[in-house]
């Protein structure tokens, strides 16, 4: 009977490589924000953010492990910049 090599499980040996992320080749500075950082920046409660993520109107968090989720800072910043400007009474429909 052949000896098994220690330290290598059959599942580890056939694990596919991690896919490359689309921003990996751009050399950009990828920043991750925690739940607290996101809530502080957007001024919303977590239940509101959760409902918006489920509805597809807020960027979804990235799963990093048990009890650890983070958001890409660039996605949150883009979401903030895409929110509509407040209109004032008597203002035209089109505001720059």
N, C-alpha and C. Protein backbone atom coordinates (compact mmCIF):
# COMPACT_ATOMS: atom_id res chain seq x y z
N UNK A 1 0.84 -1.18 0.00
CA UNK A 1 0.00 0.00 0.00
C UNK A 1 0.89 1.25 0.00
N UNK A 2 0.64 2.22 -0.94
CA UNK A 2 1.50 3.41 -1.01
C UNK A 2 1.27 4.32 0.20
N UNK A 3 2.37 5.00 0.60
CA UNK A 3 2.29 5.92 1.73
C UNK A 3 1.64 7.23 1.29
N UNK A 4 0.82 7.77 2.20
CA UNK A 4 0.23 9.09 1.93
C UNK A 4 1.21 10.18 2.32
N UNK A 5 1.25 11.23 1.51
CA UNK A 5 2.09 12.37 1.86
C UNK A 5 1.38 13.19 2.91
N UNK A 6 2.11 13.55 3.94
CA UNK A 6 1.53 14.35 5.01
C UNK A 6 1.40 15.80 4.58
N UNK A 7 0.33 16.45 5.06
CA UNK A 7 0.16 17.88 4.82
C UNK A 7 -0.59 18.23 3.54
N UNK A 8 -0.83 17.29 2.67
CA UNK A 8 -1.55 17.59 1.43
C UNK A 8 -2.82 16.76 1.41
N UNK A 9 -3.93 17.46 1.46
CA UNK A 9 -5.19 16.73 1.38
C UNK A 9 -5.64 16.68 -0.07
N UNK A 10 -6.45 15.70 -0.44
CA UNK A 10 -6.92 15.64 -1.82
C UNK A 10 -7.69 16.89 -2.23
N UNK A 11 -8.40 17.51 -1.29
CA UNK A 11 -9.16 18.72 -1.62
C UNK A 11 -8.24 19.91 -1.88
N UNK A 12 -7.16 20.00 -1.12
CA UNK A 12 -6.21 21.09 -1.32
C UNK A 12 -5.50 20.95 -2.66
N UNK A 13 -5.21 19.74 -3.03
CA UNK A 13 -4.46 19.50 -4.26
C UNK A 13 -5.24 19.90 -5.51
N UNK A 14 -6.57 19.83 -5.48
CA UNK A 14 -7.35 20.15 -6.67
C UNK A 14 -8.06 21.50 -6.59
N UNK A 15 -7.76 22.28 -5.56
CA UNK A 15 -8.40 23.59 -5.40
C UNK A 15 -8.01 24.51 -6.56
N UNK A 16 -8.98 25.11 -7.25
CA UNK A 16 -8.64 25.99 -8.37
C UNK A 16 -8.02 27.29 -7.86
N UNK A 17 -7.21 27.94 -8.68
CA UNK A 17 -6.61 29.20 -8.25
C UNK A 17 -7.68 30.29 -8.09
N UNK A 18 -7.39 31.26 -7.23
CA UNK A 18 -8.31 32.37 -7.04
C UNK A 18 -8.39 33.19 -8.33
N UNK A 19 -9.59 33.59 -8.73
CA UNK A 19 -9.69 34.41 -9.94
C UNK A 19 -9.09 35.78 -9.69
N UNK A 20 -8.50 36.34 -10.74
CA UNK A 20 -7.93 37.68 -10.58
C UNK A 20 -9.06 38.70 -10.58
N UNK A 21 -8.88 39.72 -9.79
CA UNK A 21 -9.90 40.76 -9.69
C UNK A 21 -9.71 41.76 -10.83
N UNK A 22 -10.80 42.38 -11.29
CA UNK A 22 -10.69 43.28 -12.44
C UNK A 22 -9.76 44.47 -12.19
N UNK A 23 -9.60 44.90 -10.95
CA UNK A 23 -8.76 46.07 -10.68
C UNK A 23 -7.31 45.69 -10.40
N UNK A 24 -6.98 44.41 -10.40
CA UNK A 24 -5.64 43.97 -10.03
C UNK A 24 -4.58 44.48 -11.00
N UNK A 25 -4.90 44.56 -12.28
CA UNK A 25 -3.91 44.98 -13.27
C UNK A 25 -3.77 46.49 -13.38
N UNK A 26 -4.67 47.22 -12.78
CA UNK A 26 -4.66 48.68 -12.91
C UNK A 26 -3.69 49.35 -11.95
N UNK A 27 -3.23 48.63 -10.96
CA UNK A 27 -2.31 49.22 -10.00
C UNK A 27 -3.00 50.23 -9.09
N UNK A 28 -4.31 50.16 -8.97
CA UNK A 28 -5.04 51.13 -8.16
C UNK A 28 -4.94 50.76 -6.69
N UNK A 29 -5.15 51.74 -5.86
CA UNK A 29 -5.12 51.53 -4.42
C UNK A 29 -6.51 51.07 -3.98
N UNK A 30 -6.66 49.80 -3.67
CA UNK A 30 -7.95 49.24 -3.28
C UNK A 30 -8.07 49.38 -1.77
N UNK A 31 -9.13 50.08 -1.35
CA UNK A 31 -9.37 50.26 0.08
C UNK A 31 -10.67 49.58 0.44
N UNK A 32 -10.68 48.98 1.61
CA UNK A 32 -11.88 48.34 2.13
C UNK A 32 -12.34 49.09 3.36
N UNK A 33 -13.67 49.27 3.48
CA UNK A 33 -14.24 49.95 4.64
C UNK A 33 -15.08 48.97 5.43
N UNK A 34 -14.99 49.07 6.74
CA UNK A 34 -15.79 48.24 7.64
C UNK A 34 -17.22 48.77 7.71
N UNK A 35 -18.08 48.02 8.35
CA UNK A 35 -19.48 48.44 8.50
C UNK A 35 -19.55 49.79 9.20
N UNK A 36 -18.79 49.97 10.25
CA UNK A 36 -18.79 51.24 10.98
C UNK A 36 -18.36 52.42 10.12
N UNK A 37 -17.31 52.20 9.31
CA UNK A 37 -16.83 53.26 8.42
C UNK A 37 -17.88 53.62 7.37
N UNK A 38 -18.53 52.61 6.81
CA UNK A 38 -19.56 52.85 5.80
C UNK A 38 -20.73 53.63 6.41
N UNK A 39 -21.21 53.17 7.56
CA UNK A 39 -22.36 53.83 8.20
C UNK A 39 -22.03 55.27 8.57
N UNK A 40 -20.82 55.52 9.02
CA UNK A 40 -20.41 56.88 9.36
C UNK A 40 -20.40 57.78 8.13
N UNK A 41 -19.94 57.26 7.01
CA UNK A 41 -19.82 58.06 5.80
C UNK A 41 -21.16 58.32 5.11
N UNK A 42 -22.06 57.35 5.15
CA UNK A 42 -23.33 57.52 4.43
C UNK A 42 -24.44 58.07 5.32
N UNK A 43 -24.26 58.02 6.63
CA UNK A 43 -25.25 58.58 7.54
C UNK A 43 -26.55 57.80 7.61
N UNK A 44 -26.47 56.49 7.38
CA UNK A 44 -27.66 55.64 7.44
C UNK A 44 -27.45 54.57 8.50
N UNK A 45 -28.55 53.99 8.97
CA UNK A 45 -28.46 52.88 9.91
C UNK A 45 -28.18 51.59 9.14
N UNK A 46 -27.68 50.57 9.87
CA UNK A 46 -27.39 49.31 9.18
C UNK A 46 -28.66 48.64 8.65
N UNK A 47 -29.79 48.64 9.39
CA UNK A 47 -30.99 48.05 8.80
C UNK A 47 -31.40 48.71 7.48
N UNK A 48 -31.20 50.02 7.38
CA UNK A 48 -31.52 50.72 6.13
C UNK A 48 -30.55 50.29 5.02
N UNK A 49 -29.27 50.23 5.35
CA UNK A 49 -28.27 49.80 4.37
C UNK A 49 -28.56 48.38 3.92
N UNK A 50 -28.92 47.50 4.87
CA UNK A 50 -29.24 46.11 4.55
C UNK A 50 -30.41 46.03 3.57
N UNK A 51 -31.47 46.79 3.84
CA UNK A 51 -32.64 46.79 2.94
C UNK A 51 -32.26 47.30 1.56
N UNK A 52 -31.43 48.34 1.53
CA UNK A 52 -31.01 48.89 0.24
C UNK A 52 -30.12 47.90 -0.52
N UNK A 53 -29.25 47.18 0.17
CA UNK A 53 -28.43 46.16 -0.50
C UNK A 53 -29.34 45.09 -1.09
N UNK A 54 -30.33 44.65 -0.31
CA UNK A 54 -31.26 43.61 -0.79
C UNK A 54 -32.05 44.10 -2.00
N UNK A 55 -32.37 45.39 -2.03
CA UNK A 55 -33.13 45.97 -3.14
C UNK A 55 -32.25 46.29 -4.34
N UNK A 56 -30.93 46.21 -4.16
CA UNK A 56 -30.01 46.51 -5.26
C UNK A 56 -29.74 47.99 -5.44
N UNK A 57 -30.03 48.81 -4.42
CA UNK A 57 -29.82 50.25 -4.53
C UNK A 57 -28.62 50.73 -3.72
N UNK A 58 -27.86 49.81 -3.14
CA UNK A 58 -26.66 50.14 -2.38
C UNK A 58 -25.63 49.06 -2.67
N UNK A 59 -24.33 49.42 -2.75
CA UNK A 59 -23.31 48.41 -3.05
C UNK A 59 -23.32 47.27 -2.03
N UNK A 60 -23.16 46.06 -2.52
CA UNK A 60 -23.14 44.90 -1.64
C UNK A 60 -21.78 44.74 -0.98
N UNK A 61 -21.80 44.25 0.25
CA UNK A 61 -20.56 44.02 1.00
C UNK A 61 -19.82 42.81 0.44
N UNK A 62 -18.53 42.77 0.69
CA UNK A 62 -17.68 41.65 0.31
C UNK A 62 -17.50 40.75 1.53
N UNK A 63 -17.64 39.46 1.34
CA UNK A 63 -17.49 38.49 2.42
C UNK A 63 -16.02 38.14 2.55
N UNK A 64 -15.43 38.41 3.71
CA UNK A 64 -14.02 38.11 3.93
C UNK A 64 -13.81 36.93 4.87
N UNK A 65 -14.84 36.48 5.49
CA UNK A 65 -14.73 35.36 6.40
C UNK A 65 -15.85 35.42 7.42
N UNK A 66 -15.87 34.46 8.32
CA UNK A 66 -16.93 34.45 9.33
C UNK A 66 -16.96 35.77 10.12
N UNK A 67 -18.10 36.38 10.13
CA UNK A 67 -18.33 37.62 10.88
C UNK A 67 -17.47 38.78 10.40
N UNK A 68 -17.04 38.77 9.13
CA UNK A 68 -16.23 39.86 8.60
C UNK A 68 -16.65 40.19 7.19
N UNK A 69 -17.32 41.33 7.03
CA UNK A 69 -17.68 41.83 5.71
C UNK A 69 -17.15 43.24 5.57
N UNK A 70 -16.75 43.58 4.37
CA UNK A 70 -16.20 44.90 4.09
C UNK A 70 -16.76 45.39 2.76
N UNK A 71 -16.69 46.67 2.54
CA UNK A 71 -17.14 47.27 1.29
C UNK A 71 -15.94 47.89 0.59
N UNK A 72 -15.96 47.86 -0.74
CA UNK A 72 -14.95 48.58 -1.51
C UNK A 72 -15.22 50.07 -1.36
N UNK A 73 -14.23 50.81 -0.92
CA UNK A 73 -14.39 52.25 -0.70
C UNK A 73 -14.82 52.95 -1.99
N UNK A 74 -14.27 52.52 -3.11
CA UNK A 74 -14.60 53.17 -4.39
C UNK A 74 -16.09 53.00 -4.73
N UNK A 75 -16.68 51.84 -4.40
CA UNK A 75 -18.10 51.64 -4.67
C UNK A 75 -18.97 52.53 -3.79
N UNK A 76 -18.58 52.69 -2.53
CA UNK A 76 -19.34 53.56 -1.63
C UNK A 76 -19.20 55.02 -2.07
N UNK A 77 -17.99 55.42 -2.42
CA UNK A 77 -17.78 56.80 -2.89
C UNK A 77 -18.59 57.08 -4.16
N UNK A 78 -18.61 56.12 -5.09
CA UNK A 78 -19.40 56.29 -6.31
C UNK A 78 -20.89 56.37 -5.99
N UNK A 79 -21.35 55.56 -5.04
CA UNK A 79 -22.76 55.60 -4.65
C UNK A 79 -23.10 56.97 -4.07
N UNK A 80 -22.23 57.51 -3.21
CA UNK A 80 -22.47 58.83 -2.63
C UNK A 80 -22.56 59.88 -3.72
N UNK A 81 -21.64 59.84 -4.67
CA UNK A 81 -21.63 60.84 -5.75
C UNK A 81 -22.82 60.69 -6.70
N UNK A 82 -23.43 59.51 -6.75
CA UNK A 82 -24.56 59.30 -7.66
C UNK A 82 -25.90 59.66 -7.03
N UNK A 83 -25.91 59.96 -5.74
CA UNK A 83 -27.19 60.34 -5.11
C UNK A 83 -27.62 61.69 -5.65
N UNK A 84 -28.92 61.89 -5.81
CA UNK A 84 -29.39 63.15 -6.38
C UNK A 84 -29.16 64.34 -5.45
N UNK A 85 -28.97 65.49 -6.07
CA UNK A 85 -28.85 66.73 -5.30
C UNK A 85 -30.21 67.14 -4.76
N UNK A 86 -30.21 67.77 -3.62
CA UNK A 86 -31.46 68.26 -3.03
C UNK A 86 -31.96 69.44 -3.86
N UNK A 87 -33.24 69.40 -4.17
CA UNK A 87 -33.87 70.50 -4.90
C UNK A 87 -34.47 71.47 -3.91
N UNK A 88 -34.47 72.73 -4.29
CA UNK A 88 -35.07 73.77 -3.47
C UNK A 88 -36.40 74.19 -4.08
N UNK A 89 -37.28 74.75 -3.26
CA UNK A 89 -38.58 75.23 -3.75
C UNK A 89 -38.37 76.22 -4.88
N UNK A 90 -39.14 76.05 -5.93
CA UNK A 90 -39.10 76.98 -7.05
C UNK A 90 -37.95 76.71 -8.02
N UNK A 91 -37.17 75.71 -7.77
CA UNK A 91 -36.04 75.40 -8.64
C UNK A 91 -36.54 74.59 -9.85
N UNK A 92 -35.88 74.79 -10.98
CA UNK A 92 -36.24 74.03 -12.19
C UNK A 92 -36.00 72.55 -11.97
N UNK A 93 -36.62 71.73 -12.82
CA UNK A 93 -36.45 70.27 -12.76
C UNK A 93 -34.99 69.88 -12.98
N UNK A 94 -34.32 70.56 -13.94
CA UNK A 94 -32.94 70.21 -14.26
C UNK A 94 -32.00 71.07 -13.43
N UNK A 95 -31.22 70.39 -12.60
CA UNK A 95 -30.20 71.05 -11.79
C UNK A 95 -28.87 70.40 -12.12
N UNK A 96 -27.87 71.22 -12.35
CA UNK A 96 -26.55 70.69 -12.73
C UNK A 96 -25.91 69.94 -11.60
